[in-house]
Amino acid sequence: MANRIKENLLNIKNVTDRYSAKIVAVSKYYDIDKMIEGYEAGIRDFGESRLPEAVKKINNLDDKINSDCSYHLIGHLQTNKVKCAVGFFNLIHSVDSVKLASEISKKALELGIKQKILLQVNNAFEEQKFGIAPSQLENIINEVSMMDGIELKGLMNVAPLTDDVKLIDKLFGEMHKLKEMYHLEELSMGMSNDFKIALENGATIVRLGRILFE
């Protein structure tokens, strides 16, 4: 299976390398054995969303793997789970409010670190998804940027599940404009079904699960 993952990874990197984009392997649906196979295939960035399961899996990985890898929290983070996430994940993608950012900053200061985060933007205005409306982004960036325990790296987006390529292209294009407008470094968007469109629109991080592991 590691050979299958390695083949998938090479095929994907043929695309992502043209854009200098980072691949985050979405391991949230896969067990620790699959993560080890991914590591052996060359994966060094893993994305998780279910906090207790993620902590358990990562803590059970070999020390060498953990020293080589970066872990990304890509799912919604509740304020009461902040203490488990800060300092454990290299990058938290899904910060969607000033309140959450403030709690992250407080915990980071307790630990004597700066926690790297992305702000999640919901520019499709989907009620079932978390995220900041574009009209609120400037004020939130200004507030978050003043927090001593936070290092704001960029933006994150989850596109609607749709076959409408023009809509996805439009939404990803809007995200790139926001990233550039606020002079941010990272733009995390694009999954297995739409990552090529995301890359064409300036994604610096793509989050890939099925296309890598299956």
N, C-alpha and C. Protein backbone atom coordinates (compact mmCIF):
# COMPACT_ATOMS: atom_id res chain seq x y z
N MET A 1 0.82 -1.21 0.00
CA MET A 1 0.00 0.00 0.00
C MET A 1 0.85 1.26 0.00
N ALA A 2 2.01 1.19 0.69
CA ALA A 2 2.90 2.36 0.70
C ALA A 2 3.32 2.72 -0.71
N ASN A 3 3.51 1.68 -1.55
CA ASN A 3 3.88 1.94 -2.95
C ASN A 3 2.76 2.66 -3.68
N ARG A 4 1.50 2.30 -3.38
CA ARG A 4 0.36 2.98 -4.00
C ARG A 4 0.33 4.45 -3.58
N ILE A 5 0.53 4.70 -2.29
CA ILE A 5 0.54 6.07 -1.80
C ILE A 5 1.70 6.85 -2.43
N LYS A 6 2.86 6.20 -2.53
CA LYS A 6 4.02 6.87 -3.13
C LYS A 6 3.75 7.23 -4.58
N GLU A 7 3.11 6.32 -5.30
CA GLU A 7 2.76 6.59 -6.70
C GLU A 7 1.77 7.75 -6.79
N ASN A 8 0.75 7.73 -5.91
CA ASN A 8 -0.21 8.83 -5.88
C ASN A 8 0.47 10.16 -5.58
N LEU A 9 1.38 10.13 -4.60
CA LEU A 9 2.08 11.34 -4.19
C LEU A 9 2.92 11.91 -5.33
N LEU A 10 3.61 11.04 -6.03
CA LEU A 10 4.45 11.49 -7.16
C LEU A 10 3.60 12.12 -8.25
N ASN A 11 2.46 11.50 -8.53
CA ASN A 11 1.56 12.05 -9.56
C ASN A 11 1.03 13.42 -9.16
N ILE A 12 0.70 13.57 -7.88
CA ILE A 12 0.19 14.85 -7.40
C ILE A 12 1.29 15.91 -7.39
N LYS A 13 2.49 15.52 -6.96
CA LYS A 13 3.60 16.47 -6.90
C LYS A 13 3.99 16.96 -8.29
N ASN A 14 3.75 16.16 -9.31
CA ASN A 14 3.99 16.63 -10.68
C ASN A 14 3.16 17.86 -10.99
N VAL A 15 2.02 17.97 -10.31
CA VAL A 15 1.15 19.13 -10.49
C VAL A 15 1.53 20.23 -9.48
N THR A 16 1.59 19.87 -8.20
CA THR A 16 1.79 20.89 -7.16
C THR A 16 3.15 21.56 -7.24
N ASP A 17 4.16 20.83 -7.68
CA ASP A 17 5.51 21.41 -7.75
C ASP A 17 5.58 22.57 -8.73
N ARG A 18 4.70 22.56 -9.73
CA ARG A 18 4.69 23.66 -10.69
C ARG A 18 4.21 24.96 -10.05
N TYR A 19 3.53 24.81 -8.93
CA TYR A 19 2.98 25.98 -8.23
C TYR A 19 3.67 26.22 -6.88
N SER A 20 4.66 25.42 -6.56
CA SER A 20 5.36 25.51 -5.27
C SER A 20 4.39 25.44 -4.09
N ALA A 21 3.40 24.56 -4.21
CA ALA A 21 2.39 24.42 -3.16
C ALA A 21 2.71 23.23 -2.26
N LYS A 22 2.33 23.35 -1.00
CA LYS A 22 2.53 22.28 -0.03
C LYS A 22 1.33 21.34 -0.03
N ILE A 23 1.60 20.06 0.08
CA ILE A 23 0.55 19.05 0.20
C ILE A 23 0.37 18.69 1.67
N VAL A 24 -0.84 18.87 2.19
CA VAL A 24 -1.19 18.36 3.51
C VAL A 24 -2.04 17.12 3.30
N ALA A 25 -1.54 15.99 3.77
CA ALA A 25 -2.25 14.73 3.63
C ALA A 25 -3.34 14.66 4.70
N VAL A 26 -4.59 14.61 4.27
CA VAL A 26 -5.71 14.59 5.20
C VAL A 26 -5.88 13.16 5.71
N SER A 27 -5.35 12.94 6.90
CA SER A 27 -5.31 11.59 7.48
C SER A 27 -6.46 11.34 8.45
N LYS A 28 -7.40 12.27 8.54
CA LYS A 28 -8.43 12.19 9.58
C LYS A 28 -9.32 10.95 9.45
N TYR A 29 -9.47 10.42 8.25
CA TYR A 29 -10.31 9.24 8.07
C TYR A 29 -9.50 7.94 8.08
N TYR A 30 -8.21 8.04 8.32
CA TYR A 30 -7.32 6.88 8.19
C TYR A 30 -6.62 6.60 9.51
N ASP A 31 -6.29 5.32 9.72
CA ASP A 31 -5.70 4.93 11.00
C ASP A 31 -4.19 5.17 10.99
N ILE A 32 -3.57 4.85 12.12
CA ILE A 32 -2.16 5.13 12.30
C ILE A 32 -1.29 4.37 11.30
N ASP A 33 -1.71 3.16 10.95
CA ASP A 33 -0.93 2.37 9.97
C ASP A 33 -0.86 3.08 8.63
N LYS A 34 -1.97 3.71 8.24
CA LYS A 34 -2.02 4.44 6.98
C LYS A 34 -1.11 5.68 7.05
N MET A 35 -1.07 6.32 8.21
CA MET A 35 -0.19 7.46 8.38
C MET A 35 1.28 7.04 8.25
N ILE A 36 1.61 5.89 8.83
CA ILE A 36 2.99 5.39 8.73
C ILE A 36 3.32 5.07 7.28
N GLU A 37 2.37 4.46 6.57
CA GLU A 37 2.58 4.18 5.14
C GLU A 37 2.78 5.48 4.38
N GLY A 38 2.00 6.50 4.73
CA GLY A 38 2.16 7.80 4.09
C GLY A 38 3.52 8.40 4.36
N TYR A 39 3.97 8.28 5.60
CA TYR A 39 5.31 8.79 5.94
C TYR A 39 6.39 8.07 5.14
N GLU A 40 6.27 6.76 5.06
CA GLU A 40 7.25 5.97 4.30
C GLU A 40 7.23 6.31 2.82
N ALA A 41 6.09 6.79 2.34
CA ALA A 41 5.96 7.18 0.93
C ALA A 41 6.51 8.59 0.69
N GLY A 42 6.78 9.33 1.77
CA GLY A 42 7.36 10.67 1.62
C GLY A 42 6.52 11.81 2.12
N ILE A 43 5.36 11.54 2.71
CA ILE A 43 4.50 12.59 3.24
C ILE A 43 5.08 13.11 4.55
N ARG A 44 5.08 14.44 4.71
CA ARG A 44 5.61 15.04 5.93
C ARG A 44 4.64 16.02 6.58
N ASP A 45 3.50 16.27 5.96
CA ASP A 45 2.48 17.15 6.54
C ASP A 45 1.16 16.39 6.58
N PHE A 46 0.56 16.30 7.77
CA PHE A 46 -0.69 15.57 7.95
C PHE A 46 -1.76 16.48 8.52
N GLY A 47 -2.98 16.33 8.03
CA GLY A 47 -4.11 17.14 8.48
C GLY A 47 -5.13 16.31 9.23
N GLU A 48 -5.52 16.77 10.40
CA GLU A 48 -6.50 16.08 11.23
C GLU A 48 -7.60 17.06 11.64
N SER A 49 -8.79 16.53 11.97
CA SER A 49 -9.87 17.41 12.38
C SER A 49 -10.57 16.97 13.66
N ARG A 50 -10.54 15.70 13.97
CA ARG A 50 -11.17 15.22 15.21
C ARG A 50 -10.11 15.23 16.30
N LEU A 51 -10.21 16.18 17.20
CA LEU A 51 -9.11 16.48 18.11
C LEU A 51 -8.68 15.31 18.99
N PRO A 52 -9.59 14.67 19.75
CA PRO A 52 -9.13 13.58 20.63
C PRO A 52 -8.46 12.43 19.84
N GLU A 53 -9.08 12.06 18.71
CA GLU A 53 -8.52 10.97 17.90
C GLU A 53 -7.17 11.37 17.32
N ALA A 54 -7.06 12.63 16.91
CA ALA A 54 -5.81 13.12 16.33
C ALA A 54 -4.68 13.07 17.35
N VAL A 55 -4.96 13.56 18.55
CA VAL A 55 -3.94 13.56 19.60
C VAL A 55 -3.49 12.13 19.90
N LYS A 56 -4.44 11.23 20.00
CA LYS A 56 -4.12 9.83 20.29
C LYS A 56 -3.25 9.23 19.19
N LYS A 57 -3.64 9.44 17.94
CA LYS A 57 -2.88 8.88 16.81
C LYS A 57 -1.46 9.44 16.78
N ILE A 58 -1.35 10.75 16.87
CA ILE A 58 -0.04 11.38 16.75
C ILE A 58 0.87 10.98 17.90
N ASN A 59 0.31 10.89 19.11
CA ASN A 59 1.12 10.49 20.27
C ASN A 59 1.59 9.05 20.17
N ASN A 60 0.90 8.25 19.37
CA ASN A 60 1.30 6.85 19.21
C ASN A 60 2.26 6.62 18.05
N LEU A 61 2.59 7.68 17.32
CA LEU A 61 3.56 7.56 16.25
C LEU A 61 4.98 7.57 16.82
N ASP A 62 5.87 6.99 16.07
CA ASP A 62 7.28 6.94 16.45
C ASP A 62 7.85 8.35 16.63
N ASP A 63 8.77 8.51 17.58
CA ASP A 63 9.38 9.82 17.82
C ASP A 63 10.06 10.37 16.57
N LYS A 64 10.67 9.51 15.78
CA LYS A 64 11.35 9.97 14.56
C LYS A 64 10.35 10.56 13.58
N ILE A 65 9.20 9.89 13.44
CA ILE A 65 8.16 10.41 12.54
C ILE A 65 7.69 11.77 13.04
N ASN A 66 7.43 11.88 14.33
CA ASN A 66 6.94 13.14 14.88
C ASN A 66 7.95 14.26 14.73
N SER A 67 9.24 13.93 14.85
CA SER A 67 10.26 14.97 14.70
C SER A 67 10.40 15.43 13.25
N ASP A 68 10.01 14.57 12.31
CA ASP A 68 10.12 14.89 10.88
C ASP A 68 8.88 15.59 10.33
N CYS A 69 7.75 15.46 11.03
CA CYS A 69 6.47 15.84 10.43
C CYS A 69 5.88 17.11 11.05
N SER A 70 5.00 17.74 10.29
CA SER A 70 4.19 18.85 10.77
C SER A 70 2.73 18.40 10.77
N TYR A 71 2.00 18.84 11.79
CA TYR A 71 0.60 18.45 11.92
C TYR A 71 -0.30 19.69 11.84
N HIS A 72 -1.36 19.53 11.09
CA HIS A 72 -2.27 20.64 10.79
C HIS A 72 -3.66 20.31 11.32
N LEU A 73 -4.25 21.24 12.06
CA LEU A 73 -5.64 21.08 12.48
C LEU A 73 -6.51 21.76 11.43
N ILE A 74 -7.31 20.96 10.72
CA ILE A 74 -8.08 21.49 9.60
C ILE A 74 -9.58 21.52 9.87
N GLY A 75 -10.01 20.94 10.99
CA GLY A 75 -11.43 20.93 11.32
C GLY A 75 -11.78 22.02 12.32
N HIS A 76 -13.06 22.20 12.55
CA HIS A 76 -13.54 23.23 13.47
C HIS A 76 -12.98 23.02 14.86
N LEU A 77 -12.54 24.09 15.49
CA LEU A 77 -11.98 24.04 16.83
C LEU A 77 -12.91 24.77 17.79
N GLN A 78 -13.40 24.04 18.79
CA GLN A 78 -14.23 24.66 19.83
C GLN A 78 -13.32 25.33 20.86
N THR A 79 -13.79 26.41 21.46
CA THR A 79 -12.95 27.15 22.41
C THR A 79 -12.55 26.28 23.60
N ASN A 80 -13.41 25.33 23.99
CA ASN A 80 -13.07 24.49 25.15
C ASN A 80 -12.04 23.40 24.81
N LYS A 81 -11.66 23.30 23.54
CA LYS A 81 -10.64 22.33 23.14
C LYS A 81 -9.31 23.01 22.79
N VAL A 82 -9.27 24.32 22.94
CA VAL A 82 -8.07 25.08 22.55
C VAL A 82 -6.83 24.58 23.26
N LYS A 83 -6.96 24.27 24.55
CA LYS A 83 -5.78 23.87 25.34
C LYS A 83 -5.14 22.60 24.80
N CYS A 84 -5.92 21.75 24.13
CA CYS A 84 -5.37 20.52 23.55
C CYS A 84 -4.69 20.76 22.21
N ALA A 85 -5.08 21.84 21.53
CA ALA A 85 -4.61 22.07 20.16
C ALA A 85 -3.38 22.96 20.08
N VAL A 86 -3.32 23.97 20.95
CA VAL A 86 -2.23 24.94 20.88
C VAL A 86 -0.91 24.28 21.25
N GLY A 87 0.08 24.47 20.41
CA GLY A 87 1.39 23.88 20.63
C GLY A 87 1.49 22.44 20.17
N PHE A 88 0.34 21.79 19.99
CA PHE A 88 0.34 20.41 19.50
C PHE A 88 0.36 20.38 17.99
N PHE A 89 -0.39 21.31 17.37
CA PHE A 89 -0.43 21.42 15.92
C PHE A 89 0.48 22.56 15.47
N ASN A 90 1.21 22.31 14.40
CA ASN A 90 2.08 23.35 13.86
C ASN A 90 1.29 24.50 13.29
N LEU A 91 0.14 24.18 12.67
CA LEU A 91 -0.69 25.20 12.05
C LEU A 91 -2.16 24.86 12.26
N ILE A 92 -2.92 25.81 12.79
CA ILE A 92 -4.37 25.66 12.95
C ILE A 92 -5.03 26.42 11.81
N HIS A 93 -5.70 25.68 10.91
CA HIS A 93 -6.26 26.27 9.69
C HIS A 93 -7.61 26.95 9.92
N SER A 94 -8.31 26.59 10.98
CA SER A 94 -9.76 26.81 11.02
C SER A 94 -10.20 27.84 12.06
N VAL A 95 -9.46 28.90 12.23
CA VAL A 95 -9.84 29.93 13.19
C VAL A 95 -10.91 30.83 12.54
N ASP A 96 -12.07 30.91 13.19
CA ASP A 96 -13.21 31.56 12.54
C ASP A 96 -13.84 32.67 13.38
N SER A 97 -13.14 33.12 14.43
CA SER A 97 -13.69 34.21 15.23
C SER A 97 -12.58 34.85 16.06
N VAL A 98 -12.82 36.08 16.47
CA VAL A 98 -11.89 36.77 17.37
C VAL A 98 -11.84 36.06 18.71
N LYS A 99 -12.99 35.59 19.18
CA LYS A 99 -13.04 34.88 20.46
C LYS A 99 -12.14 33.66 20.46
N LEU A 100 -12.21 32.86 19.39
CA LEU A 100 -11.37 31.67 19.30
C LEU A 100 -9.90 32.06 19.22
N ALA A 101 -9.59 33.05 18.42
CA ALA A 101 -8.20 33.50 18.30
C ALA A 101 -7.66 33.98 19.64
N SER A 102 -8.50 34.68 20.41
CA SER A 102 -8.09 35.18 21.71
C SER A 102 -7.76 34.04 22.67
N GLU A 103 -8.58 33.00 22.65
CA GLU A 103 -8.32 31.84 23.51
C GLU A 103 -7.02 31.14 23.09
N ILE A 104 -6.80 31.05 21.79
CA ILE A 104 -5.56 30.45 21.29
C ILE A 104 -4.36 31.27 21.74
N SER A 105 -4.48 32.58 21.65
CA SER A 105 -3.38 33.46 22.05
C SER A 105 -3.07 33.31 23.54
N LYS A 106 -4.11 33.26 24.36
CA LYS A 106 -3.90 33.11 25.82
C LYS A 106 -3.14 31.83 26.13
N LYS A 107 -3.57 30.72 25.51
CA LYS A 107 -2.91 29.44 25.77
C LYS A 107 -1.49 29.45 25.24
N ALA A 108 -1.28 30.04 24.08
CA ALA A 108 0.07 30.11 23.51
C ALA A 108 1.00 30.90 24.43
N LEU A 109 0.51 31.99 24.98
CA LEU A 109 1.33 32.80 25.89
C LEU A 109 1.67 32.02 27.16
N GLU A 110 0.72 31.21 27.64
CA GLU A 110 1.00 30.35 28.80
C GLU A 110 2.15 29.39 28.50
N LEU A 111 2.19 28.91 27.24
CA LEU A 111 3.22 27.96 26.83
C LEU A 111 4.51 28.64 26.37
N GLY A 112 4.45 29.96 26.25
CA GLY A 112 5.63 30.69 25.79
C GLY A 112 5.92 30.53 24.32
N ILE A 113 4.85 30.38 23.53
CA ILE A 113 5.02 30.19 22.08
C ILE A 113 4.13 31.16 21.32
N LYS A 114 4.32 31.22 20.02
CA LYS A 114 3.38 31.87 19.11
C LYS A 114 2.74 30.77 18.27
N GLN A 115 1.44 30.67 18.31
CA GLN A 115 0.74 29.65 17.55
C GLN A 115 0.44 30.17 16.14
N LYS A 116 0.87 29.42 15.14
CA LYS A 116 0.57 29.79 13.76
C LYS A 116 -0.87 29.41 13.43
N ILE A 117 -1.58 30.35 12.81
CA ILE A 117 -2.98 30.09 12.47
C ILE A 117 -3.30 30.61 11.06
N LEU A 118 -4.41 30.10 10.54
CA LEU A 118 -5.06 30.65 9.36
C LEU A 118 -6.48 31.06 9.76
N LEU A 119 -7.02 32.06 9.11
CA LEU A 119 -8.41 32.44 9.31
C LEU A 119 -9.28 31.76 8.25
N GLN A 120 -10.31 31.07 8.69
CA GLN A 120 -11.21 30.39 7.76
C GLN A 120 -12.26 31.36 7.25
N VAL A 121 -12.35 31.45 5.93
CA VAL A 121 -13.29 32.37 5.28
C VAL A 121 -14.38 31.56 4.57
N ASN A 122 -15.62 31.96 4.79
CA ASN A 122 -16.76 31.31 4.14
C ASN A 122 -17.34 32.28 3.11
N ASN A 123 -16.69 32.34 1.95
CA ASN A 123 -17.15 33.30 0.94
C ASN A 123 -18.26 32.75 0.07
N ALA A 124 -18.66 31.48 0.30
CA ALA A 124 -19.84 30.93 -0.36
C ALA A 124 -21.09 31.13 0.50
N PHE A 125 -20.89 31.64 1.72
CA PHE A 125 -21.97 31.93 2.65
C PHE A 125 -22.85 30.69 2.90
N GLU A 126 -22.20 29.54 3.06
CA GLU A 126 -22.93 28.31 3.35
C GLU A 126 -23.25 28.26 4.85
N GLU A 127 -24.53 28.13 5.17
CA GLU A 127 -24.95 28.17 6.56
C GLU A 127 -24.41 26.99 7.37
N GLN A 128 -24.19 25.85 6.71
CA GLN A 128 -23.75 24.66 7.42
C GLN A 128 -22.24 24.64 7.67
N LYS A 129 -21.54 25.64 7.17
CA LYS A 129 -20.08 25.68 7.33
C LYS A 129 -19.67 26.87 8.19
N PHE A 130 -18.58 26.66 8.90
CA PHE A 130 -17.99 27.74 9.70
C PHE A 130 -17.19 28.65 8.79
N GLY A 131 -16.84 29.81 9.31
CA GLY A 131 -16.00 30.71 8.53
C GLY A 131 -16.44 32.16 8.64
N ILE A 132 -15.51 33.03 8.33
CA ILE A 132 -15.71 34.47 8.42
C ILE A 132 -16.23 35.00 7.08
N ALA A 133 -17.19 35.89 7.11
CA ALA A 133 -17.64 36.55 5.89
C ALA A 133 -16.54 37.51 5.41
N PRO A 134 -16.33 37.60 4.11
CA PRO A 134 -15.29 38.51 3.61
C PRO A 134 -15.43 39.94 4.11
N SER A 135 -16.65 40.41 4.32
CA SER A 135 -16.87 41.79 4.78
C SER A 135 -16.36 42.00 6.21
N GLN A 136 -16.21 40.92 6.98
CA GLN A 136 -15.75 41.02 8.36
C GLN A 136 -14.24 40.82 8.49
N LEU A 137 -13.62 40.43 7.39
CA LEU A 137 -12.24 39.95 7.47
C LEU A 137 -11.26 41.03 7.90
N GLU A 138 -11.40 42.23 7.37
CA GLU A 138 -10.43 43.28 7.69
C GLU A 138 -10.39 43.57 9.19
N ASN A 139 -11.55 43.72 9.80
CA ASN A 139 -11.59 44.01 11.23
C ASN A 139 -11.00 42.86 12.04
N ILE A 140 -11.30 41.63 11.64
CA ILE A 140 -10.80 40.47 12.38
C ILE A 140 -9.29 40.34 12.22
N ILE A 141 -8.78 40.57 11.02
CA ILE A 141 -7.33 40.54 10.81
C ILE A 141 -6.65 41.58 11.69
N ASN A 142 -7.23 42.77 11.76
CA ASN A 142 -6.64 43.83 12.59
C ASN A 142 -6.60 43.43 14.06
N GLU A 143 -7.66 42.81 14.54
CA GLU A 143 -7.71 42.40 15.95
C GLU A 143 -6.75 41.24 16.23
N VAL A 144 -6.78 40.25 15.35
CA VAL A 144 -5.94 39.06 15.56
C VAL A 144 -4.46 39.41 15.47
N SER A 145 -4.13 40.33 14.59
CA SER A 145 -2.74 40.72 14.40
C SER A 145 -2.14 41.38 15.64
N MET A 146 -3.00 41.87 16.53
CA MET A 146 -2.53 42.51 17.76
C MET A 146 -2.32 41.51 18.90
N MET A 147 -2.68 40.27 18.69
CA MET A 147 -2.58 39.26 19.76
C MET A 147 -1.17 38.70 19.82
N ASP A 148 -0.57 38.78 21.00
CA ASP A 148 0.84 38.42 21.15
C ASP A 148 1.13 36.93 20.96
N GLY A 149 0.14 36.09 21.23
CA GLY A 149 0.38 34.65 21.12
C GLY A 149 0.06 34.06 19.77
N ILE A 150 -0.29 34.92 18.80
CA ILE A 150 -0.73 34.47 17.48
C ILE A 150 0.26 34.90 16.41
N GLU A 151 0.51 33.99 15.47
CA GLU A 151 1.20 34.36 14.23
C GLU A 151 0.25 34.06 13.08
N LEU A 152 -0.36 35.11 12.55
CA LEU A 152 -1.32 34.94 11.46
C LEU A 152 -0.58 34.71 10.16
N LYS A 153 -0.77 33.52 9.58
CA LYS A 153 -0.04 33.15 8.37
C LYS A 153 -0.86 33.35 7.10
N GLY A 154 -2.19 33.29 7.20
CA GLY A 154 -2.97 33.43 5.98
C GLY A 154 -4.41 33.03 6.15
N LEU A 155 -5.01 32.55 5.06
CA LEU A 155 -6.43 32.25 5.00
C LEU A 155 -6.67 30.80 4.61
N MET A 156 -7.84 30.30 4.98
CA MET A 156 -8.26 28.95 4.63
C MET A 156 -9.68 28.99 4.11
N ASN A 157 -10.00 28.09 3.18
CA ASN A 157 -11.33 28.06 2.57
C ASN A 157 -11.74 26.63 2.28
N VAL A 158 -13.02 26.35 2.48
CA VAL A 158 -13.60 25.06 2.08
C VAL A 158 -14.67 25.36 1.04
N ALA A 159 -14.48 24.88 -0.17
CA ALA A 159 -15.42 25.17 -1.25
C ALA A 159 -16.68 24.30 -1.13
N PRO A 160 -17.78 24.74 -1.70
CA PRO A 160 -19.00 23.92 -1.70
C PRO A 160 -18.78 22.61 -2.46
N LEU A 161 -19.55 21.60 -2.07
CA LEU A 161 -19.54 20.34 -2.82
C LEU A 161 -20.45 20.51 -4.03
N THR A 162 -19.85 20.75 -5.16
CA THR A 162 -20.62 21.01 -6.38
C THR A 162 -19.79 20.64 -7.61
N ASP A 163 -20.48 20.34 -8.69
CA ASP A 163 -19.80 20.08 -9.96
C ASP A 163 -19.67 21.36 -10.79
N ASP A 164 -20.09 22.47 -10.25
CA ASP A 164 -20.04 23.75 -10.96
C ASP A 164 -18.62 24.32 -10.90
N VAL A 165 -17.84 23.98 -11.92
CA VAL A 165 -16.42 24.37 -11.94
C VAL A 165 -16.28 25.90 -11.97
N LYS A 166 -17.17 26.57 -12.67
CA LYS A 166 -17.09 28.03 -12.75
C LYS A 166 -17.30 28.68 -11.38
N LEU A 167 -18.19 28.11 -10.60
CA LEU A 167 -18.44 28.64 -9.26
C LEU A 167 -17.21 28.43 -8.38
N ILE A 168 -16.64 27.23 -8.42
CA ILE A 168 -15.44 26.94 -7.62
C ILE A 168 -14.31 27.89 -8.02
N ASP A 169 -14.14 28.06 -9.30
CA ASP A 169 -13.09 28.94 -9.81
C ASP A 169 -13.30 30.38 -9.32
N LYS A 170 -14.54 30.82 -9.35
CA LYS A 170 -14.88 32.17 -8.88
C LYS A 170 -14.56 32.33 -7.39
N LEU A 171 -14.99 31.35 -6.58
CA LEU A 171 -14.79 31.44 -5.13
C LEU A 171 -13.30 31.39 -4.77
N PHE A 172 -12.55 30.52 -5.44
CA PHE A 172 -11.11 30.43 -5.18
C PHE A 172 -10.41 31.71 -5.65
N GLY A 173 -10.87 32.27 -6.74
CA GLY A 173 -10.31 33.53 -7.21
C GLY A 173 -10.52 34.65 -6.21
N GLU A 174 -11.70 34.68 -5.60
CA GLU A 174 -11.97 35.68 -4.56
C GLU A 174 -11.04 35.51 -3.37
N MET A 175 -10.78 34.25 -3.01
CA MET A 175 -9.87 33.99 -1.88
C MET A 175 -8.46 34.50 -2.17
N HIS A 176 -8.01 34.29 -3.39
CA HIS A 176 -6.67 34.76 -3.74
C HIS A 176 -6.60 36.29 -3.66
N LYS A 177 -7.65 36.95 -4.10
CA LYS A 177 -7.67 38.43 -4.02
C LYS A 177 -7.61 38.89 -2.57
N LEU A 178 -8.31 38.18 -1.67
CA LEU A 178 -8.28 38.54 -0.25
C LEU A 178 -6.88 38.33 0.33
N LYS A 179 -6.26 37.22 -0.02
CA LYS A 179 -4.89 36.96 0.46
C LYS A 179 -3.95 38.07 0.03
N GLU A 180 -4.04 38.47 -1.22
CA GLU A 180 -3.16 39.51 -1.74
C GLU A 180 -3.50 40.87 -1.14
N MET A 181 -4.77 41.15 -0.96
CA MET A 181 -5.20 42.43 -0.41
C MET A 181 -4.63 42.67 0.97
N TYR A 182 -4.57 41.59 1.76
CA TYR A 182 -4.10 41.73 3.14
C TYR A 182 -2.65 41.27 3.31
N HIS A 183 -1.97 41.06 2.21
CA HIS A 183 -0.53 40.76 2.21
C HIS A 183 -0.19 39.56 3.09
N LEU A 184 -0.95 38.48 2.91
CA LEU A 184 -0.75 37.27 3.71
C LEU A 184 0.07 36.24 2.93
N GLU A 185 0.67 35.34 3.67
CA GLU A 185 1.61 34.39 3.08
C GLU A 185 0.94 33.13 2.53
N GLU A 186 0.01 32.57 3.31
CA GLU A 186 -0.54 31.26 2.98
C GLU A 186 -2.01 31.34 2.58
N LEU A 187 -2.37 30.43 1.67
CA LEU A 187 -3.76 30.27 1.25
C LEU A 187 -4.04 28.77 1.14
N SER A 188 -4.76 28.26 2.13
CA SER A 188 -5.07 26.83 2.21
C SER A 188 -6.45 26.60 1.59
N MET A 189 -6.46 25.99 0.42
CA MET A 189 -7.74 25.67 -0.23
C MET A 189 -7.51 24.60 -1.28
N GLY A 190 -8.55 23.86 -1.56
CA GLY A 190 -8.47 22.79 -2.54
C GLY A 190 -8.34 21.43 -1.88
N MET A 191 -9.23 20.51 -2.28
CA MET A 191 -9.20 19.13 -1.79
C MET A 191 -9.13 18.20 -3.01
N SER A 192 -9.35 16.93 -2.77
CA SER A 192 -9.10 15.94 -3.82
C SER A 192 -9.83 16.24 -5.12
N ASN A 193 -11.06 16.77 -5.02
CA ASN A 193 -11.87 16.96 -6.22
C ASN A 193 -11.65 18.32 -6.90
N ASP A 194 -10.99 19.26 -6.21
CA ASP A 194 -10.87 20.60 -6.81
C ASP A 194 -9.50 21.25 -6.62
N PHE A 195 -8.49 20.45 -6.23
CA PHE A 195 -7.20 21.06 -5.90
C PHE A 195 -6.51 21.70 -7.10
N LYS A 196 -6.76 21.18 -8.30
CA LYS A 196 -6.12 21.79 -9.48
C LYS A 196 -6.67 23.20 -9.73
N ILE A 197 -7.97 23.38 -9.51
CA ILE A 197 -8.57 24.72 -9.64
C ILE A 197 -7.99 25.64 -8.57
N ALA A 198 -7.81 25.10 -7.37
CA ALA A 198 -7.24 25.89 -6.27
C ALA A 198 -5.83 26.35 -6.61
N LEU A 199 -5.02 25.44 -7.15
CA LEU A 199 -3.65 25.79 -7.52
C LEU A 199 -3.63 26.89 -8.58
N GLU A 200 -4.52 26.79 -9.54
CA GLU A 200 -4.59 27.81 -10.60
C GLU A 200 -4.96 29.18 -10.03
N ASN A 201 -5.59 29.17 -8.85
CA ASN A 201 -6.01 30.42 -8.21
C ASN A 201 -5.12 30.80 -7.02
N GLY A 202 -3.92 30.25 -6.98
CA GLY A 202 -2.94 30.73 -6.01
C GLY A 202 -2.89 30.03 -4.67
N ALA A 203 -3.47 28.83 -4.55
CA ALA A 203 -3.35 28.08 -3.29
C ALA A 203 -1.89 27.80 -3.00
N THR A 204 -1.49 27.98 -1.75
CA THR A 204 -0.14 27.62 -1.34
C THR A 204 -0.13 26.30 -0.56
N ILE A 205 -1.32 25.88 -0.10
CA ILE A 205 -1.49 24.62 0.61
C ILE A 205 -2.75 23.95 0.06
N VAL A 206 -2.63 22.67 -0.32
CA VAL A 206 -3.81 21.89 -0.71
C VAL A 206 -3.96 20.73 0.27
N ARG A 207 -5.20 20.39 0.60
CA ARG A 207 -5.50 19.39 1.62
C ARG A 207 -6.09 18.16 0.93
N LEU A 208 -5.31 17.09 0.86
CA LEU A 208 -5.68 15.94 0.03
C LEU A 208 -5.76 14.66 0.85
N GLY A 209 -6.90 13.96 0.73
CA GLY A 209 -7.08 12.70 1.43
C GLY A 209 -7.23 11.52 0.49
N ARG A 210 -8.42 11.35 -0.02
CA ARG A 210 -8.73 10.17 -0.85
C ARG A 210 -7.77 10.00 -2.01
N ILE A 211 -7.45 11.08 -2.69
CA ILE A 211 -6.60 11.00 -3.88
C ILE A 211 -5.17 10.55 -3.54
N LEU A 212 -4.79 10.70 -2.28
CA LEU A 212 -3.48 10.26 -1.83
C LEU A 212 -3.51 8.85 -1.29
N PHE A 213 -4.50 8.55 -0.46
CA PHE A 213 -4.47 7.33 0.33
C PHE A 213 -5.19 6.14 -0.32
N GLU A 214 -5.93 6.41 -1.42
CA GLU A 214 -6.72 5.29 -1.99
C GLU A 214 -6.35 5.04 -3.45
